[in-house]
């Protein structure tokens, strides 16, 4: 039985332990693109590549950064880097695969065994919000680069975003069917939840200036949504 998420600190401590597992899954999903066969080595270097890319994208912009910049920041040689990616399109695929895998896995992990509808919705809100706090660089990168993604990555991004929204949608529809929530446009409510969650990582400074902690914002989103649904 997966316990309810207590707060951001508890979430962060638990999730940091599974970071390597997520990158290992990304490696296995992309073995056809990566020439390194030793999994432990590949996972270690993929973590370096992902972290360096997000750091550089945040400081100078993804389009301005070069693979040489990535080599310099990650400490890898150009030849070593080419064992994992051939170009920046491959790099985007790698970064997006990592982010989408951990987002999907995290939401399903924290909602899959929660029976109470209201608790499940709050768990989904907290899981997504806390993950975006922990991985703000990726969430920001994914949003900012969405318009300029290669066509296949753009299609995947849209599909995954809808899949994540569908997790919220399913919980809301279950609540309406059970009579816990009033009959409402569940799709619209799910979209509004996503918009509120997105505002947190896109406008982080605004909330920091207001001294709003992530735990407080999670409760606020729940209260706003429940004031409409209950």
Protein backbone atom coordinates (compact mmCIF):
# COMPACT_ATOMS: atom_id res chain seq x y z
CA UNK A 1 0.00 0.00 0.00
CA UNK A 2 1.45 3.36 -1.06
CA UNK A 3 1.12 5.92 1.78
CA UNK A 4 -0.43 9.33 1.20
CA UNK A 5 2.09 12.05 0.47
CA UNK A 6 2.65 13.80 3.79
CA UNK A 7 4.44 16.92 2.56
CA UNK A 8 7.09 18.13 0.13
CA UNK A 9 10.04 17.14 2.31
CA UNK A 10 8.80 13.56 2.64
CA UNK A 11 8.13 13.41 -1.10
CA UNK A 12 11.60 14.73 -1.94
CA UNK A 13 13.33 12.19 0.28
CA UNK A 14 11.41 9.30 -1.24
CA UNK A 15 11.72 10.38 -4.87
CA UNK A 16 15.45 11.07 -4.77
CA UNK A 17 15.95 7.36 -4.15
CA UNK A 18 14.23 6.41 -7.42
CA UNK A 19 16.01 8.93 -9.67
CA UNK A 20 18.47 6.34 -10.94
CA UNK A 21 15.63 3.89 -11.63
CA UNK A 22 13.93 6.42 -13.90
CA UNK A 23 17.09 7.08 -15.90
CA UNK A 24 17.63 3.32 -16.15
CA UNK A 25 14.15 3.03 -17.65
CA UNK A 26 14.96 5.83 -20.11
CA UNK A 27 18.13 3.97 -21.10
CA UNK A 28 16.18 0.78 -21.73
CA UNK A 29 13.61 2.67 -23.80
CA UNK A 30 16.38 4.18 -25.95
CA UNK A 31 18.85 1.31 -26.31
CA UNK A 32 18.49 1.49 -30.08
CA UNK A 33 19.87 5.06 -29.98
CA UNK A 34 22.66 4.50 -27.45
CA UNK A 35 25.80 2.53 -28.30
CA UNK A 36 26.92 1.96 -24.70
CA UNK A 37 25.87 -1.54 -23.64
CA UNK A 38 27.01 -1.51 -20.01
CA UNK A 39 23.89 -0.33 -18.21
CA UNK A 40 25.51 1.03 -15.03
CA UNK A 41 27.92 3.18 -17.04
CA UNK A 42 25.18 4.37 -19.38
CA UNK A 43 22.87 5.36 -16.52
CA UNK A 44 25.62 7.29 -14.73
CA UNK A 45 26.50 9.25 -17.87
CA UNK A 46 22.89 9.84 -18.87
CA UNK A 47 22.31 11.50 -15.51
CA UNK A 48 25.29 13.79 -16.22
CA UNK A 49 23.99 14.61 -19.71
CA UNK A 50 20.45 15.33 -18.53
CA UNK A 51 21.53 17.50 -15.60
CA UNK A 52 24.03 19.46 -17.70
CA UNK A 53 21.50 20.04 -20.49
CA UNK A 54 18.89 21.41 -18.11
CA UNK A 55 21.48 23.58 -16.36
CA UNK A 56 22.70 25.05 -19.67
CA UNK A 57 19.20 25.47 -21.09
CA UNK A 58 18.22 27.37 -17.98
CA UNK A 59 21.27 29.66 -18.06
CA UNK A 60 21.71 30.38 -21.78
CA UNK A 61 18.77 28.77 -23.59
CA UNK A 62 18.63 25.42 -25.34
CA UNK A 63 18.94 26.86 -28.84
CA UNK A 64 22.03 28.87 -27.90
CA UNK A 65 23.83 25.96 -26.27
CA UNK A 66 26.04 23.71 -28.36
CA UNK A 67 27.16 20.12 -27.93
CA UNK A 68 30.60 21.53 -27.11
CA UNK A 69 28.99 23.48 -24.26
CA UNK A 70 27.44 20.23 -23.09
CA UNK A 71 30.80 18.44 -23.20
CA UNK A 72 32.41 21.23 -21.19
CA UNK A 73 29.67 21.29 -18.55
CA UNK A 74 29.30 17.53 -18.20
CA UNK A 75 33.01 16.74 -18.37
CA UNK A 76 32.48 14.32 -21.24
CA UNK A 77 34.45 14.21 -24.48
CA UNK A 78 32.71 14.78 -27.80
CA UNK A 79 33.32 11.14 -28.70
CA UNK A 80 31.87 10.03 -25.38
CA UNK A 81 28.81 12.21 -25.91
CA UNK A 82 28.23 10.81 -29.40
CA UNK A 83 27.83 7.36 -27.86
CA UNK A 84 24.55 8.65 -26.38
CA UNK A 85 23.34 11.33 -28.79
CA UNK A 86 24.16 12.27 -32.37
CA UNK A 87 22.63 15.75 -32.37
CA UNK A 88 20.38 18.10 -30.42
CA UNK A 89 17.22 16.39 -31.66
CA UNK A 90 18.43 13.21 -29.98
CA UNK A 91 19.17 15.28 -26.89
CA UNK A 92 15.63 16.67 -26.79
CA UNK A 93 14.24 13.15 -27.14
CA UNK A 94 16.38 12.04 -24.21
CA UNK A 95 15.36 14.95 -21.99
CA UNK A 96 11.67 14.60 -22.82
CA UNK A 97 11.72 10.83 -22.29
CA UNK A 98 13.21 11.34 -18.85
CA UNK A 99 10.69 13.98 -17.78
CA UNK A 100 7.62 12.23 -19.13
CA UNK A 101 8.64 8.88 -17.65
CA UNK A 102 9.10 10.25 -14.16
CA UNK A 103 5.91 12.37 -14.32
CA UNK A 104 3.75 9.46 -15.43
CA UNK A 105 5.32 7.05 -12.96
CA UNK A 106 5.03 9.48 -10.04
CA UNK A 107 1.35 10.32 -10.54
CA UNK A 108 0.35 6.69 -11.00
CA UNK A 109 2.45 5.62 -8.01
CA UNK A 110 0.80 8.08 -5.63
CA UNK A 111 -2.78 7.68 -6.87
CA UNK A 112 -3.01 4.02 -7.86
CA UNK A 113 -3.89 2.60 -4.45
CA UNK A 114 -5.76 5.53 -2.88
CA UNK A 115 -9.43 4.59 -2.55
CA UNK A 116 -11.02 7.80 -1.28
CA UNK A 117 -11.76 10.06 -4.27
CA UNK A 118 -10.99 13.32 -2.49
CA UNK A 119 -7.73 11.93 -1.10
CA UNK A 120 -6.82 10.62 -4.55
CA UNK A 121 -7.36 14.01 -6.19
CA UNK A 122 -5.27 15.73 -3.52
CA UNK A 123 -2.56 13.08 -3.95
CA UNK A 124 -2.47 13.73 -7.71
CA UNK A 125 -2.25 17.49 -7.13
CA UNK A 126 0.56 17.11 -4.60
CA UNK A 127 2.48 14.56 -6.67
CA UNK A 128 2.49 16.78 -9.76
CA UNK A 129 3.19 19.98 -7.83
CA UNK A 130 5.96 18.52 -5.69
CA UNK A 131 7.56 16.90 -8.73
CA UNK A 132 7.57 20.23 -10.56
CA UNK A 133 9.21 21.83 -7.52
CA UNK A 134 11.87 19.14 -7.46
CA UNK A 135 12.35 19.13 -11.25
CA UNK A 136 11.52 22.74 -12.06
CA UNK A 137 14.32 22.96 -14.62
CA UNK A 138 12.77 20.15 -16.68
CA UNK A 139 9.18 21.41 -16.42
CA UNK A 140 10.27 24.90 -17.42
CA UNK A 141 12.41 23.53 -20.25
CA UNK A 142 9.57 21.36 -21.55
CA UNK A 143 7.14 24.28 -21.57
CA UNK A 144 9.54 26.76 -23.18
CA UNK A 145 10.76 24.35 -25.86
CA UNK A 146 7.35 22.86 -26.72
CA UNK A 147 6.75 25.08 -29.75
CA UNK A 148 10.10 24.34 -31.34
CA UNK A 149 10.25 20.59 -30.75
CA UNK A 150 10.78 18.33 -33.77
CA UNK A 151 7.43 17.02 -35.08
CA UNK A 152 7.68 13.53 -33.50
CA UNK A 153 8.63 14.98 -30.11
CA UNK A 154 5.85 17.55 -30.35
CA UNK A 155 3.28 14.81 -30.98
CA UNK A 156 4.63 12.83 -28.04
CA UNK A 157 4.56 15.90 -25.81
CA UNK A 158 0.91 16.63 -26.64
CA UNK A 159 -0.05 12.98 -26.12
CA UNK A 160 1.72 12.76 -22.76
CA UNK A 161 0.26 16.06 -21.55
CA UNK A 162 -3.19 14.72 -22.36
CA UNK A 163 -2.37 11.45 -20.63
CA UNK A 164 -1.35 13.31 -17.46
CA UNK A 165 -4.49 15.46 -17.63
CA UNK A 166 -6.53 12.27 -18.05
CA UNK A 167 -5.31 11.07 -14.64
CA UNK A 168 -7.00 14.10 -13.06
CA UNK A 169 -10.00 13.66 -15.34
CA UNK A 170 -10.46 10.03 -14.28
CA UNK A 171 -10.45 10.90 -10.58
CA UNK A 172 -12.96 13.72 -11.08
CA UNK A 173 -15.26 11.51 -13.17
CA UNK A 174 -15.10 8.80 -10.49
CA UNK A 175 -16.04 11.39 -7.88
CA UNK A 176 -19.01 12.61 -9.92
CA UNK A 177 -20.19 9.05 -10.55
CA UNK A 178 -19.93 8.22 -6.83
CA UNK A 179 -21.91 11.31 -5.88
CA UNK A 180 -18.95 12.82 -4.02
CA UNK A 181 -18.69 15.68 -6.52
CA UNK A 182 -21.43 17.65 -8.19
CA UNK A 183 -22.01 17.05 -11.92
CA UNK A 184 -19.54 19.37 -13.62
CA UNK A 185 -17.55 19.53 -16.85
CA UNK A 186 -14.82 17.14 -15.68
CA UNK A 187 -12.53 17.82 -18.63
CA UNK A 188 -12.64 21.56 -18.01
CA UNK A 189 -11.90 21.07 -14.30
CA UNK A 190 -8.95 18.79 -15.12
CA UNK A 191 -7.61 21.41 -17.53
CA UNK A 192 -7.97 24.10 -14.86
CA UNK A 193 -6.02 21.97 -12.37
CA UNK A 194 -3.21 21.61 -14.90
CA UNK A 195 -3.21 25.38 -15.49
CA UNK A 196 -2.95 26.09 -11.75
CA UNK A 197 -0.12 23.58 -11.37
CA UNK A 198 1.67 25.06 -14.37
CA UNK A 199 1.46 28.56 -12.92
CA UNK A 200 3.53 27.39 -9.96
CA UNK A 201 6.63 26.42 -11.92
CA UNK A 202 6.36 29.12 -14.59
CA UNK A 203 5.94 31.97 -12.10
CA UNK A 204 7.92 30.63 -9.17
CA UNK A 205 9.36 34.02 -8.23
CA UNK A 206 5.88 35.54 -7.85
CA UNK A 207 4.92 32.97 -5.23
CA UNK A 208 8.29 33.19 -3.52
CA UNK A 209 7.80 36.95 -3.16
CA UNK A 210 4.42 36.24 -1.58
CA UNK A 211 6.03 33.75 0.84
CA UNK A 212 3.81 30.94 -0.46
CA UNK A 213 5.31 27.52 0.26
CA UNK A 214 4.68 24.57 -2.02
CA UNK A 215 2.65 22.75 0.65
CA UNK A 216 0.43 25.82 1.05
CA UNK A 217 -0.07 26.09 -2.71
CA UNK A 218 -1.05 22.41 -2.92
CA UNK A 219 -3.75 22.96 -0.29
CA UNK A 220 -4.88 26.12 -2.09
CA UNK A 221 -5.33 24.30 -5.41
CA UNK A 222 -7.29 21.55 -3.67
CA UNK A 223 -9.52 24.07 -1.89
CA UNK A 224 -10.21 26.06 -5.08
CA UNK A 225 -11.13 22.94 -7.05
CA UNK A 226 -13.21 21.43 -4.26
CA UNK A 227 -15.12 24.68 -3.75
CA UNK A 228 -16.38 24.14 -7.31
CA UNK A 229 -16.87 20.38 -7.15
CA UNK A 230 -18.42 19.87 -3.71
